[in-house]
Amino acid sequence: MAPLRRLCLCLLLALLPPPPAAPAPVTAPAPLRRPDWAACRVLSRELSRLLGAAREPLPVLEGLQLLEEEPQNWPPRIRCSDACDPLSLESNHTLCLQRIRQALQHYRDLLGSDIFREQPQPQLESTMEQLLRLVQDGPGRPPRHLPAPAELWQRPLQRHLALKRLRSFSALMGRVFNHGAR
C-alpha cells in the first residue's frame, strides 16, 4: 500500500503548478562617477550670478505672488528623499545627482523653448549645459524635450515662473555642490 500511496502523491505533485519564481533582488542604482565637485560649485555660483542679473521685461511681474498650479506640472525639485543632505552625500550621492540632472535638463529645455524666444538667455543656457555635462552619468548629450508651445500672451508669465523656480533650485543646488567641494 505504501508504494501506491507514494505513486499517488507523486502524481498529485506533478499536477500542482510550479512554485512562484523568486523575486528579483532589489539593487540600488549603480553609483555615478564622482563629479568634479569644485567645478560644479564654480558653475553653480556662476548660474546664480546670472540668474540674479536676469531682469523681468515687465516690472509688474517682479513683485507678483502667484498661486502655484497643480503639482503634476511642477518641474523636478530636490526633495528630502533625494538624499542631498550633507550626511547622505558623504556616503552616496547618486540619488541627489540624478535629481539635479533631471532638473538641469528640464530648465535647459525651457531656456531653449519658445518661452524665451523674445528674451534668449545664451549665457544661462551655456552654463547649464556645462553643469549638465559634469553631472551626467555617461558620454554624449542628454536629449532635449521641449515643452508644448505657449501662446504669445502666456510667455512672459511662464518665463517669470521658470526663472523664479530656477533661482530657487539654483540656491539648493549650490549648497549641494558647496558641501561636495569641501
N, C-alpha and C. Protein backbone atom coordinates (compact mmCIF):
# COMPACT_ATOMS: atom_id res chain seq x y z
N MET A 1 0.81 -1.18 0.00
CA MET A 1 0.00 0.00 0.00
C MET A 1 0.86 1.26 0.00
N ALA A 2 1.97 1.23 0.69
CA ALA A 2 2.84 2.39 0.77
C ALA A 2 3.37 2.79 -0.60
N PRO A 3 3.78 1.83 -1.48
CA PRO A 3 4.24 2.25 -2.80
C PRO A 3 3.12 2.90 -3.61
N LEU A 4 1.89 2.41 -3.46
CA LEU A 4 0.77 3.01 -4.18
C LEU A 4 0.50 4.43 -3.70
N ARG A 5 0.62 4.62 -2.39
CA ARG A 5 0.44 5.96 -1.81
C ARG A 5 1.50 6.92 -2.34
N ARG A 6 2.73 6.45 -2.41
CA ARG A 6 3.81 7.28 -2.93
C ARG A 6 3.56 7.65 -4.38
N LEU A 7 3.10 6.69 -5.15
CA LEU A 7 2.82 6.93 -6.56
C LEU A 7 1.72 7.97 -6.72
N CYS A 8 0.66 7.87 -5.93
CA CYS A 8 -0.43 8.86 -5.99
C CYS A 8 0.07 10.24 -5.59
N LEU A 9 0.88 10.27 -4.56
CA LEU A 9 1.42 11.55 -4.09
C LEU A 9 2.30 12.18 -5.17
N CYS A 10 3.12 11.39 -5.83
CA CYS A 10 3.97 11.90 -6.91
C CYS A 10 3.14 12.43 -8.06
N LEU A 11 2.05 11.73 -8.40
CA LEU A 11 1.17 12.19 -9.49
C LEU A 11 0.49 13.49 -9.12
N LEU A 12 0.05 13.59 -7.87
CA LEU A 12 -0.58 14.84 -7.43
C LEU A 12 0.41 16.00 -7.45
N LEU A 13 1.62 15.73 -7.02
CA LEU A 13 2.64 16.79 -7.03
C LEU A 13 2.94 17.25 -8.45
N ALA A 14 2.90 16.33 -9.41
CA ALA A 14 3.17 16.69 -10.80
C ALA A 14 2.06 17.58 -11.36
N LEU A 15 0.85 17.46 -10.83
CA LEU A 15 -0.27 18.27 -11.31
C LEU A 15 -0.30 19.67 -10.71
N LEU A 16 0.38 19.86 -9.62
CA LEU A 16 0.40 21.18 -8.98
C LEU A 16 1.19 22.17 -9.85
N PRO A 17 0.78 23.45 -9.83
CA PRO A 17 1.55 24.45 -10.59
C PRO A 17 2.93 24.62 -9.96
N PRO A 18 3.89 25.03 -10.76
CA PRO A 18 5.23 25.22 -10.20
C PRO A 18 5.23 26.35 -9.18
N PRO A 19 6.17 26.29 -8.25
CA PRO A 19 6.23 27.37 -7.25
C PRO A 19 6.58 28.68 -7.93
N PRO A 20 6.10 29.79 -7.36
CA PRO A 20 6.42 31.09 -7.98
C PRO A 20 7.92 31.33 -7.97
N ALA A 21 8.35 32.02 -9.01
CA ALA A 21 9.77 32.34 -9.12
C ALA A 21 10.15 33.30 -8.01
N ALA A 22 11.36 33.17 -7.56
CA ALA A 22 11.85 34.07 -6.52
C ALA A 22 11.92 35.48 -7.09
N PRO A 23 11.49 36.48 -6.31
CA PRO A 23 11.55 37.84 -6.84
C PRO A 23 13.00 38.25 -7.10
N ALA A 24 13.14 39.08 -8.10
CA ALA A 24 14.48 39.57 -8.44
C ALA A 24 15.00 40.40 -7.28
N PRO A 25 16.25 40.23 -6.95
CA PRO A 25 16.79 41.02 -5.83
C PRO A 25 16.75 42.51 -6.17
N VAL A 26 16.40 43.29 -5.17
CA VAL A 26 16.34 44.74 -5.34
C VAL A 26 17.76 45.27 -5.17
N THR A 27 18.21 45.96 -6.18
CA THR A 27 19.56 46.52 -6.10
C THR A 27 19.47 48.03 -6.19
N ALA A 28 20.34 48.66 -5.49
CA ALA A 28 20.41 50.12 -5.55
C ALA A 28 20.99 50.50 -6.90
N PRO A 29 20.63 51.68 -7.41
CA PRO A 29 21.22 52.09 -8.68
C PRO A 29 22.74 52.17 -8.55
N ALA A 30 23.39 51.84 -9.65
CA ALA A 30 24.85 51.89 -9.64
C ALA A 30 25.30 53.31 -9.34
N PRO A 31 26.28 53.47 -8.47
CA PRO A 31 26.70 54.83 -8.14
C PRO A 31 27.29 55.53 -9.36
N LEU A 32 26.97 56.79 -9.47
CA LEU A 32 27.51 57.59 -10.55
C LEU A 32 28.99 57.86 -10.29
N ARG A 33 29.70 58.15 -11.34
CA ARG A 33 31.08 58.54 -11.13
C ARG A 33 31.09 59.80 -10.29
N ARG A 34 32.11 59.95 -9.52
CA ARG A 34 32.19 61.12 -8.64
C ARG A 34 32.41 62.36 -9.49
N PRO A 35 31.53 63.33 -9.37
CA PRO A 35 31.69 64.54 -10.19
C PRO A 35 32.84 65.40 -9.69
N ASP A 36 33.21 66.33 -10.51
CA ASP A 36 34.21 67.33 -10.12
C ASP A 36 33.45 68.37 -9.30
N TRP A 37 33.40 68.14 -7.98
CA TRP A 37 32.60 69.00 -7.10
C TRP A 37 33.03 70.45 -7.18
N ALA A 38 34.32 70.70 -7.26
CA ALA A 38 34.81 72.09 -7.30
C ALA A 38 34.34 72.79 -8.58
N ALA A 39 34.41 72.11 -9.71
CA ALA A 39 33.95 72.71 -10.97
C ALA A 39 32.44 72.93 -10.92
N CYS A 40 31.72 71.98 -10.32
CA CYS A 40 30.26 72.14 -10.19
C CYS A 40 29.93 73.34 -9.31
N ARG A 41 30.71 73.52 -8.23
CA ARG A 41 30.48 74.66 -7.35
C ARG A 41 30.70 75.98 -8.09
N VAL A 42 31.78 76.06 -8.87
CA VAL A 42 32.07 77.28 -9.63
C VAL A 42 30.94 77.57 -10.62
N LEU A 43 30.49 76.55 -11.34
CA LEU A 43 29.43 76.76 -12.34
C LEU A 43 28.09 77.08 -11.68
N SER A 44 27.80 76.47 -10.52
CA SER A 44 26.53 76.78 -9.86
C SER A 44 26.54 78.21 -9.33
N ARG A 45 27.70 78.69 -8.89
CA ARG A 45 27.80 80.09 -8.46
C ARG A 45 27.61 81.03 -9.65
N GLU A 46 28.18 80.65 -10.79
CA GLU A 46 28.02 81.46 -11.99
C GLU A 46 26.55 81.48 -12.42
N LEU A 47 25.89 80.33 -12.32
CA LEU A 47 24.47 80.26 -12.66
C LEU A 47 23.66 81.18 -11.74
N SER A 48 23.95 81.15 -10.45
CA SER A 48 23.24 82.02 -9.50
C SER A 48 23.50 83.50 -9.81
N ARG A 49 24.73 83.82 -10.18
CA ARG A 49 25.06 85.21 -10.52
C ARG A 49 24.27 85.65 -11.76
N LEU A 50 24.23 84.79 -12.77
CA LEU A 50 23.50 85.13 -14.00
C LEU A 50 22.00 85.26 -13.72
N LEU A 51 21.47 84.41 -12.87
CA LEU A 51 20.05 84.49 -12.53
C LEU A 51 19.74 85.76 -11.75
N GLY A 52 20.67 86.18 -10.90
CA GLY A 52 20.48 87.42 -10.16
C GLY A 52 20.48 88.63 -11.07
N ALA A 53 21.22 88.55 -12.17
CA ALA A 53 21.29 89.67 -13.12
C ALA A 53 20.13 89.66 -14.11
N ALA A 54 19.44 88.53 -14.25
CA ALA A 54 18.32 88.46 -15.20
C ALA A 54 17.16 89.28 -14.66
N ARG A 55 16.68 90.19 -15.47
CA ARG A 55 15.59 91.07 -15.06
C ARG A 55 14.34 90.80 -15.88
N GLU A 56 13.23 91.07 -15.25
CA GLU A 56 11.93 90.91 -15.91
C GLU A 56 11.72 92.04 -16.91
N PRO A 57 11.21 91.71 -18.10
CA PRO A 57 10.91 92.78 -19.05
C PRO A 57 9.68 93.57 -18.60
N LEU A 58 8.82 92.94 -17.84
CA LEU A 58 7.63 93.61 -17.31
C LEU A 58 7.80 93.75 -15.80
N PRO A 59 8.17 94.93 -15.32
CA PRO A 59 8.44 95.11 -13.89
C PRO A 59 7.28 94.70 -12.98
N VAL A 60 6.06 94.71 -13.50
CA VAL A 60 4.91 94.34 -12.67
C VAL A 60 5.02 92.88 -12.21
N LEU A 61 5.73 92.05 -12.95
CA LEU A 61 5.85 90.64 -12.58
C LEU A 61 6.84 90.43 -11.44
N GLU A 62 7.74 91.38 -11.19
CA GLU A 62 8.77 91.24 -10.15
C GLU A 62 8.16 90.94 -8.78
N GLY A 63 7.17 91.70 -8.38
CA GLY A 63 6.60 91.54 -7.04
C GLY A 63 5.35 90.70 -7.02
N LEU A 64 5.00 90.10 -8.12
CA LEU A 64 3.76 89.36 -8.24
C LEU A 64 3.85 88.01 -7.52
N GLN A 65 2.91 87.74 -6.64
CA GLN A 65 2.82 86.44 -5.98
C GLN A 65 1.67 85.68 -6.63
N LEU A 66 1.99 84.51 -7.19
CA LEU A 66 1.00 83.73 -7.90
C LEU A 66 0.72 82.43 -7.17
N LEU A 67 -0.50 81.96 -7.30
CA LEU A 67 -0.82 80.66 -6.77
C LEU A 67 -0.19 79.62 -7.68
N GLU A 68 0.39 78.60 -7.09
CA GLU A 68 1.02 77.54 -7.89
C GLU A 68 -0.05 76.67 -8.53
N GLU A 69 0.27 76.17 -9.71
CA GLU A 69 -0.65 75.27 -10.38
C GLU A 69 -0.52 73.87 -9.79
N GLU A 70 -1.15 72.92 -10.40
CA GLU A 70 -1.17 71.55 -9.90
C GLU A 70 0.24 70.96 -9.78
N PRO A 71 0.49 70.16 -8.74
CA PRO A 71 1.83 69.60 -8.54
C PRO A 71 2.34 68.76 -9.71
N GLN A 72 1.47 68.12 -10.49
CA GLN A 72 1.97 67.31 -11.59
C GLN A 72 2.62 68.17 -12.67
N ASN A 73 2.39 69.46 -12.68
CA ASN A 73 3.01 70.36 -13.65
C ASN A 73 4.30 71.00 -13.14
N TRP A 74 4.67 70.70 -11.91
CA TRP A 74 5.86 71.30 -11.35
C TRP A 74 7.11 70.70 -11.98
N PRO A 75 8.16 71.48 -12.08
CA PRO A 75 9.43 70.93 -12.57
C PRO A 75 10.05 70.04 -11.49
N PRO A 76 11.05 69.25 -11.87
CA PRO A 76 11.72 68.42 -10.85
C PRO A 76 12.27 69.31 -9.73
N ARG A 77 12.08 68.87 -8.50
CA ARG A 77 12.56 69.61 -7.33
C ARG A 77 13.37 68.68 -6.44
N ILE A 78 14.29 69.25 -5.73
CA ILE A 78 15.05 68.46 -4.76
C ILE A 78 14.15 68.25 -3.54
N ARG A 79 13.99 66.99 -3.16
CA ARG A 79 13.16 66.63 -2.01
C ARG A 79 14.04 66.01 -0.93
N CYS A 80 13.49 65.88 0.26
CA CYS A 80 14.24 65.24 1.35
C CYS A 80 14.64 63.82 0.96
N SER A 81 13.78 63.11 0.25
CA SER A 81 14.05 61.72 -0.12
C SER A 81 15.17 61.59 -1.16
N ASP A 82 15.64 62.70 -1.71
CA ASP A 82 16.71 62.66 -2.71
C ASP A 82 18.10 62.58 -2.09
N ALA A 83 18.17 62.58 -0.77
CA ALA A 83 19.43 62.40 -0.04
C ALA A 83 20.48 63.44 -0.44
N CYS A 84 20.08 64.69 -0.49
CA CYS A 84 21.03 65.76 -0.80
C CYS A 84 21.57 66.44 0.45
N ASP A 85 21.29 65.87 1.61
CA ASP A 85 21.81 66.43 2.85
C ASP A 85 23.28 66.04 3.01
N PRO A 86 24.04 66.79 3.79
CA PRO A 86 25.48 66.53 3.91
C PRO A 86 25.84 65.10 4.31
N LEU A 87 25.11 64.50 5.26
CA LEU A 87 25.45 63.14 5.68
C LEU A 87 25.24 62.13 4.56
N SER A 88 24.15 62.26 3.84
CA SER A 88 23.87 61.33 2.74
C SER A 88 24.85 61.51 1.59
N LEU A 89 25.25 62.75 1.33
CA LEU A 89 26.19 63.00 0.24
C LEU A 89 27.54 62.34 0.50
N GLU A 90 27.91 62.22 1.77
CA GLU A 90 29.18 61.59 2.11
C GLU A 90 29.20 60.13 1.70
N SER A 91 28.06 59.44 1.89
CA SER A 91 28.04 58.01 1.63
C SER A 91 27.57 57.65 0.22
N ASN A 92 26.56 58.35 -0.30
CA ASN A 92 26.04 58.02 -1.62
C ASN A 92 25.40 59.27 -2.23
N HIS A 93 25.99 59.77 -3.28
CA HIS A 93 25.50 60.98 -3.93
C HIS A 93 24.65 60.69 -5.15
N THR A 94 24.37 59.42 -5.44
CA THR A 94 23.69 59.01 -6.67
C THR A 94 22.30 59.63 -6.81
N LEU A 95 21.45 59.44 -5.80
CA LEU A 95 20.08 59.95 -5.89
C LEU A 95 20.04 61.47 -6.05
N CYS A 96 20.87 62.13 -5.30
CA CYS A 96 20.91 63.59 -5.35
C CYS A 96 21.32 64.07 -6.74
N LEU A 97 22.38 63.49 -7.28
CA LEU A 97 22.84 63.92 -8.61
C LEU A 97 21.84 63.57 -9.70
N GLN A 98 21.10 62.47 -9.53
CA GLN A 98 20.07 62.14 -10.51
C GLN A 98 18.99 63.23 -10.53
N ARG A 99 18.59 63.68 -9.35
CA ARG A 99 17.55 64.73 -9.28
C ARG A 99 18.08 66.04 -9.85
N ILE A 100 19.32 66.37 -9.53
CA ILE A 100 19.91 67.60 -10.06
C ILE A 100 19.99 67.52 -11.58
N ARG A 101 20.39 66.36 -12.10
CA ARG A 101 20.47 66.19 -13.55
C ARG A 101 19.10 66.35 -14.20
N GLN A 102 18.06 65.75 -13.59
CA GLN A 102 16.69 65.89 -14.13
C GLN A 102 16.27 67.35 -14.19
N ALA A 103 16.52 68.06 -13.12
CA ALA A 103 16.11 69.47 -13.07
C ALA A 103 16.92 70.30 -14.07
N LEU A 104 18.21 70.07 -14.15
CA LEU A 104 19.04 70.81 -15.11
C LEU A 104 18.56 70.57 -16.54
N GLN A 105 18.21 69.33 -16.86
CA GLN A 105 17.69 69.03 -18.20
C GLN A 105 16.38 69.76 -18.45
N HIS A 106 15.51 69.76 -17.43
CA HIS A 106 14.22 70.45 -17.56
C HIS A 106 14.41 71.95 -17.82
N TYR A 107 15.25 72.59 -17.01
CA TYR A 107 15.44 74.03 -17.18
C TYR A 107 16.21 74.36 -18.45
N ARG A 108 17.14 73.51 -18.85
CA ARG A 108 17.84 73.73 -20.12
C ARG A 108 16.84 73.69 -21.27
N ASP A 109 15.92 72.73 -21.21
CA ASP A 109 14.89 72.61 -22.25
C ASP A 109 13.98 73.83 -22.26
N LEU A 110 13.63 74.32 -21.08
CA LEU A 110 12.79 75.53 -21.00
C LEU A 110 13.51 76.74 -21.61
N LEU A 111 14.80 76.87 -21.29
CA LEU A 111 15.56 78.01 -21.82
C LEU A 111 15.67 77.96 -23.34
N GLY A 112 15.59 76.78 -23.92
CA GLY A 112 15.66 76.65 -25.37
C GLY A 112 14.30 76.65 -26.04
N SER A 113 13.24 76.84 -25.27
CA SER A 113 11.89 76.77 -25.82
C SER A 113 11.40 78.15 -26.27
N ASP A 114 10.18 78.17 -26.78
CA ASP A 114 9.60 79.42 -27.27
C ASP A 114 9.31 80.42 -26.14
N ILE A 115 9.28 79.95 -24.91
CA ILE A 115 9.04 80.85 -23.78
C ILE A 115 10.12 81.93 -23.72
N PHE A 116 11.34 81.57 -24.10
CA PHE A 116 12.46 82.51 -24.04
C PHE A 116 12.86 83.01 -25.42
N ARG A 117 12.01 82.84 -26.42
CA ARG A 117 12.36 83.26 -27.77
C ARG A 117 12.57 84.78 -27.85
N GLU A 118 11.71 85.54 -27.18
CA GLU A 118 11.85 87.00 -27.22
C GLU A 118 13.01 87.48 -26.36
N GLN A 119 13.38 86.71 -25.37
CA GLN A 119 14.47 87.07 -24.46
C GLN A 119 15.40 85.87 -24.28
N PRO A 120 16.17 85.53 -25.29
CA PRO A 120 17.06 84.37 -25.14
C PRO A 120 18.07 84.60 -24.01
N GLN A 121 18.46 83.53 -23.40
CA GLN A 121 19.41 83.58 -22.28
C GLN A 121 20.61 82.68 -22.62
N PRO A 122 21.43 83.06 -23.58
CA PRO A 122 22.51 82.17 -24.03
C PRO A 122 23.53 81.87 -22.93
N GLN A 123 23.84 82.83 -22.07
CA GLN A 123 24.82 82.57 -21.01
C GLN A 123 24.26 81.57 -19.99
N LEU A 124 22.99 81.74 -19.63
CA LEU A 124 22.36 80.80 -18.71
C LEU A 124 22.35 79.40 -19.32
N GLU A 125 21.95 79.33 -20.57
CA GLU A 125 21.86 78.04 -21.25
C GLU A 125 23.24 77.37 -21.34
N SER A 126 24.25 78.14 -21.65
CA SER A 126 25.61 77.60 -21.76
C SER A 126 26.12 77.09 -20.41
N THR A 127 25.88 77.85 -19.36
CA THR A 127 26.32 77.45 -18.03
C THR A 127 25.60 76.18 -17.59
N MET A 128 24.31 76.09 -17.90
CA MET A 128 23.55 74.89 -17.55
C MET A 128 24.05 73.68 -18.33
N GLU A 129 24.39 73.87 -19.59
CA GLU A 129 24.94 72.77 -20.41
C GLU A 129 26.24 72.26 -19.79
N GLN A 130 27.10 73.18 -19.37
CA GLN A 130 28.37 72.78 -18.76
C GLN A 130 28.14 72.00 -17.46
N LEU A 131 27.22 72.50 -16.63
CA LEU A 131 26.89 71.79 -15.39
C LEU A 131 26.31 70.42 -15.69
N LEU A 132 25.45 70.35 -16.67
CA LEU A 132 24.82 69.09 -17.04
C LEU A 132 25.86 68.07 -17.48
N ARG A 133 26.85 68.52 -18.23
CA ARG A 133 27.92 67.61 -18.67
C ARG A 133 28.70 67.07 -17.47
N LEU A 134 28.87 67.90 -16.44
CA LEU A 134 29.62 67.46 -15.26
C LEU A 134 28.86 66.44 -14.42
N VAL A 135 27.54 66.53 -14.38
CA VAL A 135 26.77 65.62 -13.52
C VAL A 135 26.14 64.46 -14.27
N GLN A 136 26.24 64.42 -15.59
CA GLN A 136 25.62 63.30 -16.30
C GLN A 136 26.43 62.04 -16.08
N ASP A 137 25.77 60.89 -16.24
CA ASP A 137 26.42 59.62 -15.90
C ASP A 137 26.84 58.81 -17.12
N GLY A 138 27.19 59.47 -18.18
CA GLY A 138 27.65 58.75 -19.35
C GLY A 138 28.08 59.72 -20.42
N PRO A 139 28.66 59.18 -21.49
CA PRO A 139 29.08 60.07 -22.57
C PRO A 139 27.88 60.55 -23.38
N GLY A 140 28.09 61.56 -24.17
CA GLY A 140 27.02 62.08 -25.02
C GLY A 140 26.24 63.17 -24.35
N ARG A 141 25.28 63.68 -25.10
CA ARG A 141 24.44 64.77 -24.61
C ARG A 141 23.05 64.26 -24.33
N PRO A 142 22.47 64.60 -23.19
CA PRO A 142 21.09 64.19 -22.93
C PRO A 142 20.16 64.83 -23.96
N PRO A 143 19.16 64.10 -24.43
CA PRO A 143 18.26 64.66 -25.44
C PRO A 143 17.43 65.80 -24.89
N ARG A 144 17.02 66.67 -25.78
CA ARG A 144 16.14 67.77 -25.39
C ARG A 144 14.69 67.32 -25.49
N HIS A 145 13.88 67.78 -24.55
CA HIS A 145 12.44 67.53 -24.56
C HIS A 145 11.77 68.89 -24.42
N LEU A 146 11.47 69.50 -25.53
CA LEU A 146 10.88 70.84 -25.48
C LEU A 146 9.44 70.76 -25.01
N PRO A 147 9.04 71.70 -24.16
CA PRO A 147 7.65 71.73 -23.70
C PRO A 147 6.72 72.15 -24.83
N ALA A 148 5.45 71.93 -24.62
CA ALA A 148 4.46 72.32 -25.62
C ALA A 148 4.55 73.83 -25.87
N PRO A 149 4.35 74.25 -27.10
CA PRO A 149 4.41 75.69 -27.40
C PRO A 149 3.40 76.48 -26.56
N ALA A 150 3.82 77.65 -26.14
CA ALA A 150 2.97 78.51 -25.32
C ALA A 150 2.36 79.60 -26.21
N GLU A 151 1.20 80.03 -25.81
CA GLU A 151 0.57 81.16 -26.50
C GLU A 151 1.41 82.41 -26.23
N LEU A 152 1.37 83.35 -27.15
CA LEU A 152 2.17 84.56 -27.03
C LEU A 152 1.89 85.31 -25.71
N TRP A 153 0.63 85.38 -25.31
CA TRP A 153 0.28 86.11 -24.09
C TRP A 153 0.74 85.38 -22.83
N GLN A 154 0.99 84.06 -22.90
CA GLN A 154 1.41 83.28 -21.74
C GLN A 154 2.91 83.36 -21.48
N ARG A 155 3.67 83.68 -22.49
CA ARG A 155 5.13 83.59 -22.40
C ARG A 155 5.76 84.44 -21.31
N PRO A 156 5.38 85.71 -21.15
CA PRO A 156 6.01 86.49 -20.07
C PRO A 156 5.78 85.88 -18.68
N LEU A 157 4.57 85.40 -18.44
CA LEU A 157 4.27 84.79 -17.15
C LEU A 157 5.03 83.47 -16.98
N GLN A 158 5.07 82.64 -18.01
CA GLN A 158 5.80 81.38 -17.92
C GLN A 158 7.30 81.61 -17.77
N ARG A 159 7.81 82.63 -18.43
CA ARG A 159 9.23 82.98 -18.30
C ARG A 159 9.52 83.41 -16.86
N HIS A 160 8.62 84.23 -16.30
CA HIS A 160 8.76 84.68 -14.91
C HIS A 160 8.78 83.49 -13.95
N LEU A 161 7.83 82.55 -14.11
CA LEU A 161 7.76 81.38 -13.23
C LEU A 161 8.99 80.50 -13.40
N ALA A 162 9.45 80.32 -14.64
CA ALA A 162 10.61 79.47 -14.89
C ALA A 162 11.85 80.06 -14.21
N LEU A 163 12.07 81.37 -14.35
CA LEU A 163 13.24 82.00 -13.73
C LEU A 163 13.15 81.98 -12.20
N LYS A 164 11.96 82.18 -11.68
CA LYS A 164 11.76 82.16 -10.23
C LYS A 164 12.08 80.78 -9.67
N ARG A 165 11.58 79.74 -10.32
CA ARG A 165 11.83 78.37 -9.86
C ARG A 165 13.30 77.99 -10.06
N LEU A 166 13.88 78.44 -11.15
CA LEU A 166 15.28 78.14 -11.40
C LEU A 166 16.17 78.81 -10.35
N ARG A 167 15.82 80.01 -9.92
CA ARG A 167 16.59 80.68 -8.86
C ARG A 167 16.54 79.85 -7.57
N SER A 168 15.36 79.37 -7.23
CA SER A 168 15.18 78.57 -6.02
C SER A 168 15.98 77.26 -6.13
N PHE A 169 15.87 76.60 -7.26
CA PHE A 169 16.60 75.35 -7.47
C PHE A 169 18.11 75.60 -7.43
N SER A 170 18.55 76.68 -8.03
CA SER A 170 19.97 77.01 -8.10
C SER A 170 20.55 77.21 -6.70
N ALA A 171 19.78 77.80 -5.81
CA ALA A 171 20.25 78.01 -4.43
C ALA A 171 20.48 76.67 -3.73
N LEU A 172 19.54 75.74 -3.89
CA LEU A 172 19.70 74.42 -3.27
C LEU A 172 20.85 73.64 -3.91
N MET A 173 20.92 73.70 -5.22
CA MET A 173 21.99 73.00 -5.93
C MET A 173 23.35 73.55 -5.51
N GLY A 174 23.44 74.85 -5.33
CA GLY A 174 24.69 75.46 -4.89
C GLY A 174 25.13 74.95 -3.54
N ARG A 175 24.17 74.74 -2.63
CA ARG A 175 24.51 74.19 -1.30
C ARG A 175 25.06 72.76 -1.42
N VAL A 176 24.46 71.98 -2.31
CA VAL A 176 24.94 70.61 -2.51
C VAL A 176 26.37 70.62 -3.03
N PHE A 177 26.63 71.43 -4.06
CA PHE A 177 27.97 71.46 -4.64
C PHE A 177 28.98 72.10 -3.70
N ASN A 178 28.54 73.06 -2.92
CA ASN A 178 29.44 73.69 -1.95
C ASN A 178 29.90 72.65 -0.93
N HIS A 179 28.97 71.84 -0.46
CA HIS A 179 29.34 70.81 0.51
C HIS A 179 30.24 69.75 -0.13
N GLY A 180 29.90 69.34 -1.35
CA GLY A 180 30.68 68.30 -2.02
C GLY A 180 32.11 68.74 -2.33
N ALA A 181 32.32 70.04 -2.50
CA ALA A 181 33.65 70.55 -2.87
C ALA A 181 34.57 70.71 -1.67
N ARG A 182 34.07 70.48 -0.48
CA ARG A 182 34.92 70.64 0.72
C ARG A 182 36.00 69.61 0.78
